Amino acid sequence: MRVEAGLDVRLDRWYKGVRRDWSIWAIEQLTMADFILVIASPAYRRRADGWAAPDEGVASSSRARSFATI
């Protein structure tokens, strides 16, 4: 369906078996994209918004800052 609609969709889940630096992968995908749709759990949002404990989801908040700066 997405191909028929002309959408080039890339999800990190599709690349789980590949060893890579996910921060670099995410930034590459974000900079190449015309549009970005982020689907996240309430827990991820809490971390990204800075409402979680400082030691909870450190990578989440760093990724969320990447979204905001691109």
C-alpha atoms as a PDB file:
ATOM      1  CA  MET A   1       0.000   0.000   0.000  1.00  0.00           C
ATOM      2  CA  ARG A   2       2.751   2.489   0.883  1.00  0.00           C
ATOM      3  CA  VAL A   3       4.633   1.723  -2.339  1.00  0.00           C
ATOM      4  CA  GLU A   4       1.468   2.161  -4.400  1.00  0.00           C
ATOM      5  CA  ALA A   5       0.935   5.535  -2.706  1.00  0.00           C
ATOM      6  CA  GLY A   6       4.496   6.585  -3.575  1.00  0.00           C
ATOM      7  CA  LEU A   7       5.735   6.632   0.020  1.00  0.00           C
ATOM      8  CA  ASP A   8       9.339   5.799   0.852  1.00  0.00           C
ATOM      9  CA  VAL A   9       8.958   4.675   4.452  1.00  0.00           C
ATOM     10  CA  ARG A  10      11.850   3.629   6.695  1.00  0.00           C
ATOM     11  CA  LEU A  11      11.364   2.235  10.167  1.00  0.00           C
ATOM     12  CA  ASP A  12      14.194   1.433  12.553  1.00  0.00           C
ATOM     13  CA  ARG A  13      12.455  -1.866  13.367  1.00  0.00           C
ATOM     14  CA  TRP A  14      13.158  -3.092   9.842  1.00  0.00           C
ATOM     15  CA  TYR A  15      16.908  -2.829  10.456  1.00  0.00           C
ATOM     16  CA  LYS A  16      17.193  -4.551  13.852  1.00  0.00           C
ATOM     17  CA  GLY A  17      19.439  -7.350  12.587  1.00  0.00           C
ATOM     18  CA  VAL A  18      21.982  -4.866  11.246  1.00  0.00           C
ATOM     19  CA  ARG A  19      24.729  -3.582  13.548  1.00  0.00           C
ATOM     20  CA  ARG A  20      24.993   0.214  13.309  1.00  0.00           C
ATOM     21  CA  ASP A  21      25.188   3.471  15.232  1.00  0.00           C
ATOM     22  CA  TRP A  22      21.477   4.252  15.554  1.00  0.00           C
ATOM     23  CA  SER A  23      22.061   7.931  16.283  1.00  0.00           C
ATOM     24  CA  ILE A  24      23.889   8.374  12.980  1.00  0.00           C
ATOM     25  CA  TRP A  25      21.258   6.316  11.136  1.00  0.00           C
ATOM     26  CA  ALA A  26      18.430   8.428  12.579  1.00  0.00           C
ATOM     27  CA  ILE A  27      20.093  11.738  11.705  1.00  0.00           C
ATOM     28  CA  GLU A  28      20.793  10.520   8.152  1.00  0.00           C
ATOM     29  CA  GLN A  29      17.148   9.504   7.727  1.00  0.00           C
ATOM     30  CA  LEU A  30      15.870  12.765   9.212  1.00  0.00           C
ATOM     31  CA  THR A  31      18.019  14.954   6.990  1.00  0.00           C
ATOM     32  CA  MET A  32      17.025  13.089   3.818  1.00  0.00           C
ATOM     33  CA  ALA A  33      13.296  13.140   4.570  1.00  0.00           C
ATOM     34  CA  ASP A  34      10.789  15.606   3.153  1.00  0.00           C
ATOM     35  CA  PHE A  35       8.340  14.730   5.939  1.00  0.00           C
ATOM     36  CA  ILE A  36       8.756  12.968   9.273  1.00  0.00           C
ATOM     37  CA  LEU A  37       6.069  11.138  11.220  1.00  0.00           C
ATOM     38  CA  VAL A  38       7.054  10.150  14.746  1.00  0.00           C
ATOM     39  CA  ILE A  39       4.965   7.548  16.543  1.00  0.00           C
ATOM     40  CA  ALA A  40       6.015   7.085  20.138  1.00  0.00           C
ATOM     41  CA  SER A  41       4.715   5.644  23.380  1.00  0.00           C
ATOM     42  CA  PRO A  42       3.630   7.865  26.275  1.00  0.00           C
ATOM     43  CA  ALA A  43       6.811   6.784  28.120  1.00  0.00           C
ATOM     44  CA  TYR A  44       9.001   7.921  25.207  1.00  0.00           C
ATOM     45  CA  ARG A  45       7.221  11.253  25.091  1.00  0.00           C
ATOM     46  CA  ARG A  46       7.701  11.735  28.834  1.00  0.00           C
ATOM     47  CA  ARG A  47      11.443  11.125  28.388  1.00  0.00           C
ATOM     48  CA  ALA A  48      11.675  13.342  25.310  1.00  0.00           C
ATOM     49  CA  ASP A  49       9.823  16.181  27.041  1.00  0.00           C
ATOM     50  CA  GLY A  50      12.180  16.003  30.021  1.00  0.00           C
ATOM     51  CA  TRP A  51       9.603  14.782  32.536  1.00  0.00           C
ATOM     52  CA  ALA A  52      11.283  11.428  33.244  1.00  0.00           C
ATOM     53  CA  ALA A  53      13.991  10.763  35.829  1.00  0.00           C
ATOM     54  CA  PRO A  54      17.478  11.816  34.633  1.00  0.00           C
ATOM     55  CA  ASP A  55      18.663   8.190  34.377  1.00  0.00           C
ATOM     56  CA  GLU A  56      15.574   6.997  32.460  1.00  0.00           C
ATOM     57  CA  GLY A  57      15.778   6.799  28.684  1.00  0.00           C
ATOM     58  CA  VAL A  58      18.882   8.886  28.083  1.00  0.00           C
ATOM     59  CA  ALA A  59      18.970   7.810  24.411  1.00  0.00           C
ATOM     60  CA  SER A  60      15.313   8.812  23.988  1.00  0.00           C
ATOM     61  CA  SER A  61      15.911  12.393  25.010  1.00  0.00           C
ATOM     62  CA  SER A  62      18.976  12.638  22.814  1.00  0.00           C
ATOM     63  CA  ARG A  63      17.027  11.360  19.784  1.00  0.00           C
ATOM     64  CA  ALA A  64      14.154  13.713  20.508  1.00  0.00           C
ATOM     65  CA  ARG A  65      16.585  16.656  20.481  1.00  0.00           C
ATOM     66  CA  SER A  66      17.758  15.474  17.050  1.00  0.00           C
ATOM     67  CA  PHE A  67      14.181  15.720  15.752  1.00  0.00           C
ATOM     68  CA  ALA A  68      13.892  19.253  17.063  1.00  0.00           C
ATOM     69  CA  THR A  69      17.134  20.520  15.551  1.00  0.00           C
ATOM     70  CA  ILE A  70      16.747  19.207  12.017  1.00  0.00           C
END
